Amino acid sequence: MIRGSSAGAENPRFSHEDGHTILRLRLLIARAANRDSLAWWDDEALTAPAGFLLERLFPVAPPLAARSLALRAALARHEGACTEIGGALHLYRPDADNADGLALRDVPLLPVPYPEAPIPTMDALREHLIALLSRPAQVKIVQRRNGGALQIAIPPCPAGVWAPLHRARSFAWAYLEGAPGQPVFPFVAE
């Protein structure tokens, strides 16, 4: 269940910084999922070998291609894990009304940083999350499902925080319930 929708007078509007943070979280998790890191799904878009290949396939902007491919792979993997869960929201779709998708159209992806070095341990992922979020996010595990789907409960959105950003922070923190080679796909059901 989701508490605190993205609509309403007490929820602020999107800021460029919010979008930047959501993209950083998405790229961090996508980087952690690459084969040279925690190997959560079959993707190498953000690895050094992929960079070599992408320079030849997309000579104008290989780093942009890498980011785009990694995000598409992550979205597909999450949608696959949540196929049977109606109304599932996750890091790559944190708002049922696609408020994040509309807002992120104007945030350039190329300047968004992500760790270039592999993230081989859960402790390393935790360190990256703390560096990005400043403090742990509060989440409660509701149910573990087949295929790694992890239903969580997210506390109400604090005043002054854009709801999709609040959810994205919580989703990102919940990935720490996974293990190398054993991904989780945190979600909430609307």
Protein backbone atom coordinates (compact mmCIF):
# COMPACT_ATOMS: atom_id res chain seq x y z
CA MET A 1 0.00 0.00 0.00
CA ILE A 2 1.21 3.48 -0.77
CA ARG A 3 0.76 6.28 1.68
CA GLY A 4 1.11 9.82 0.44
CA SER A 5 0.30 10.13 -3.23
CA SER A 6 2.08 12.48 -5.58
CA ALA A 7 -1.02 14.67 -5.78
CA GLY A 8 -2.19 17.08 -3.14
CA ALA A 9 -1.39 20.48 -1.77
CA GLU A 10 1.15 19.32 0.81
CA ASN A 11 3.40 17.58 -1.71
CA PRO A 12 5.87 19.81 -3.50
CA ARG A 13 6.45 19.93 -7.21
CA PHE A 14 9.34 18.28 -8.94
CA SER A 15 12.76 19.94 -8.91
CA HIS A 16 15.70 19.29 -11.22
CA GLU A 17 17.66 18.06 -8.19
CA ASP A 18 14.91 15.48 -7.45
CA GLY A 19 15.20 14.10 -10.97
CA HIS A 20 18.96 14.01 -10.76
CA THR A 21 18.75 12.01 -7.51
CA ILE A 22 16.26 9.51 -8.94
CA LEU A 23 18.48 8.96 -11.99
CA ARG A 24 21.55 8.55 -9.78
CA LEU A 25 19.74 5.91 -7.72
CA ARG A 26 18.59 4.08 -10.84
CA LEU A 27 22.08 4.10 -12.34
CA LEU A 28 23.64 3.00 -9.06
CA ILE A 29 21.36 -0.03 -8.82
CA ALA A 30 21.82 -0.80 -12.54
CA ARG A 31 25.60 -0.62 -12.05
CA ALA A 32 25.42 -2.91 -9.02
CA ALA A 33 23.37 -5.37 -11.08
CA ASN A 34 25.98 -5.69 -13.87
CA ARG A 35 27.79 -8.98 -14.28
CA ASP A 36 31.10 -7.64 -12.95
CA SER A 37 29.38 -6.50 -9.76
CA LEU A 38 26.54 -8.27 -7.91
CA ALA A 39 25.39 -10.05 -11.10
CA TRP A 40 21.71 -9.51 -10.52
CA TRP A 41 20.71 -9.70 -14.17
CA ASP A 42 22.34 -10.30 -17.50
CA ASP A 43 23.62 -6.83 -18.32
CA GLU A 44 27.06 -5.38 -18.91
CA ALA A 45 26.09 -1.96 -20.28
CA LEU A 46 28.01 -0.04 -17.59
CA THR A 47 31.16 -2.20 -17.60
CA ALA A 48 34.52 -1.39 -19.18
CA PRO A 49 34.20 -4.09 -21.90
CA ALA A 50 30.81 -2.66 -22.91
CA GLY A 51 32.38 0.79 -23.09
CA PHE A 52 34.85 -0.51 -25.66
CA LEU A 53 32.02 -1.92 -27.78
CA LEU A 54 29.72 1.07 -27.37
CA GLU A 55 32.44 3.44 -28.57
CA ARG A 56 32.31 1.63 -31.89
CA LEU A 57 28.54 1.22 -32.09
CA PHE A 58 27.56 4.69 -30.83
CA PRO A 59 30.57 6.91 -31.61
CA VAL A 60 28.75 10.18 -30.94
CA ALA A 61 27.79 9.47 -27.31
CA PRO A 62 28.82 6.03 -26.02
CA PRO A 63 28.36 7.01 -22.33
CA LEU A 64 24.79 8.09 -23.05
CA ALA A 65 24.12 4.82 -24.87
CA ALA A 66 25.51 2.86 -21.91
CA ARG A 67 23.28 4.68 -19.44
CA SER A 68 20.20 4.31 -21.64
CA LEU A 69 20.79 0.60 -22.23
CA ALA A 70 21.38 -0.07 -18.53
CA LEU A 71 18.19 1.74 -17.55
CA ARG A 72 16.14 -0.10 -20.18
CA ALA A 73 17.54 -3.46 -19.03
CA ALA A 74 16.75 -2.62 -15.40
CA LEU A 75 13.21 -1.52 -16.24
CA ALA A 76 12.59 -4.69 -18.26
CA ARG A 77 13.92 -6.87 -15.44
CA HIS A 78 11.72 -5.14 -12.87
CA GLU A 79 8.63 -5.25 -15.06
CA GLY A 80 9.28 -8.97 -15.60
CA ALA A 81 9.59 -9.63 -11.88
CA CYS A 82 6.38 -7.72 -11.17
CA THR A 83 4.31 -8.99 -14.12
CA GLU A 84 1.71 -10.73 -11.97
CA ILE A 85 1.45 -7.88 -9.47
CA GLY A 86 -1.15 -5.37 -10.56
CA GLY A 87 -0.24 -1.75 -9.91
CA ALA A 88 3.31 -2.54 -8.79
CA LEU A 89 5.55 0.48 -8.35
CA HIS A 90 9.33 0.12 -8.16
CA LEU A 91 12.51 2.16 -8.54
CA TYR A 92 12.16 2.34 -12.32
CA ARG A 93 8.45 3.23 -12.09
CA PRO A 94 7.86 4.97 -8.73
CA ASP A 95 4.62 6.74 -9.64
CA ALA A 96 1.41 5.23 -10.98
CA ASP A 97 0.60 8.41 -12.91
CA ASN A 98 4.08 8.51 -14.49
CA ALA A 99 4.84 11.86 -12.85
CA ASP A 100 8.48 10.80 -12.64
CA GLY A 101 8.60 9.87 -16.32
CA LEU A 102 7.19 13.21 -17.38
CA ALA A 103 9.48 15.14 -15.05
CA LEU A 104 12.62 13.21 -16.00
CA ARG A 105 12.19 13.97 -19.72
CA ASP A 106 13.89 17.31 -19.13
CA VAL A 107 16.75 16.03 -16.97
CA PRO A 108 19.82 15.23 -19.09
CA LEU A 109 21.05 11.69 -18.50
CA LEU A 110 24.63 12.13 -19.68
CA PRO A 111 25.87 14.27 -16.77
CA VAL A 112 24.36 11.92 -14.15
CA PRO A 113 27.26 10.13 -12.43
CA TYR A 114 27.38 6.49 -11.42
CA PRO A 115 30.18 4.35 -9.96
CA GLU A 116 32.43 3.20 -12.78
CA ALA A 117 34.20 0.59 -10.65
CA PRO A 118 32.44 -2.71 -9.95
CA ILE A 119 30.26 -2.98 -6.84
CA PRO A 120 31.08 -6.57 -5.80
CA THR A 121 29.62 -6.68 -2.27
CA MET A 122 26.50 -5.64 -0.44
CA ASP A 123 28.68 -3.56 1.90
CA ALA A 124 30.00 -1.62 -1.10
CA LEU A 125 26.42 -1.00 -2.28
CA ARG A 126 25.47 0.16 1.22
CA GLU A 127 28.37 2.63 1.20
CA HIS A 128 27.27 4.05 -2.16
CA LEU A 129 23.67 4.37 -0.94
CA ILE A 130 24.72 6.13 2.27
CA ALA A 131 26.90 8.52 0.25
CA LEU A 132 23.94 9.33 -2.00
CA LEU A 133 21.11 9.35 0.54
CA SER A 134 23.04 10.65 3.60
CA ARG A 135 21.14 8.23 5.86
CA PRO A 136 19.33 4.90 5.66
CA ALA A 137 15.79 4.94 4.33
CA GLN A 138 13.04 3.39 6.40
CA VAL A 139 11.38 0.38 4.77
CA LYS A 140 9.53 -2.61 6.10
CA ILE A 141 9.60 -5.98 4.36
CA VAL A 142 6.03 -7.17 3.83
CA GLN A 143 6.51 -10.29 1.72
CA ARG A 144 9.12 -12.09 -0.36
CA ARG A 145 7.69 -13.52 -3.56
CA ASN A 146 8.90 -15.85 -6.28
CA GLY A 147 11.41 -14.47 -8.72
CA GLY A 148 12.92 -12.06 -6.21
CA ALA A 149 9.95 -9.71 -5.99
CA LEU A 150 10.11 -8.05 -2.57
CA GLN A 151 7.00 -6.29 -1.36
CA ILE A 152 7.84 -3.46 1.00
CA ALA A 153 5.96 -0.84 2.99
CA ILE A 154 7.16 2.73 2.71
CA PRO A 155 6.44 5.26 5.44
CA PRO A 156 4.34 8.31 4.58
CA CYS A 157 6.04 10.92 2.48
CA PRO A 158 7.53 13.68 4.64
CA ALA A 159 6.34 17.23 4.11
CA GLY A 160 8.38 19.09 1.53
CA VAL A 161 9.53 15.94 -0.32
CA TRP A 162 8.31 14.99 -3.80
CA ALA A 163 6.53 11.61 -3.41
CA PRO A 164 8.31 9.78 -6.30
CA LEU A 165 11.67 10.81 -4.84
CA HIS A 166 10.67 9.55 -1.40
CA ARG A 167 9.63 6.21 -2.91
CA ALA A 168 12.79 5.98 -5.04
CA ARG A 169 14.97 6.42 -1.94
CA SER A 170 13.05 3.68 -0.13
CA PHE A 171 13.16 1.30 -3.09
CA ALA A 172 16.91 1.84 -3.49
CA TRP A 173 17.58 1.08 0.17
CA ALA A 174 15.52 -2.13 -0.02
CA TYR A 175 17.94 -3.64 -2.58
CA LEU A 176 20.21 -4.31 0.40
CA GLU A 177 17.90 -7.29 1.10
CA GLY A 178 19.48 -9.02 -1.92
CA ALA A 179 22.79 -10.85 -2.13
CA PRO A 180 25.42 -11.36 -4.83
CA GLY A 181 23.77 -13.38 -7.61
CA GLN A 182 20.41 -13.19 -5.80
CA PRO A 183 18.54 -10.04 -6.76
CA VAL A 184 15.48 -8.60 -5.12
CA PHE A 185 13.01 -6.35 -6.88
CA PRO A 186 11.49 -4.07 -4.24
CA PHE A 187 7.96 -2.94 -5.01
CA VAL A 188 4.81 -1.59 -3.47
CA ALA A 189 1.36 -2.47 -4.74
CA GLU A 190 -0.90 0.50 -5.28
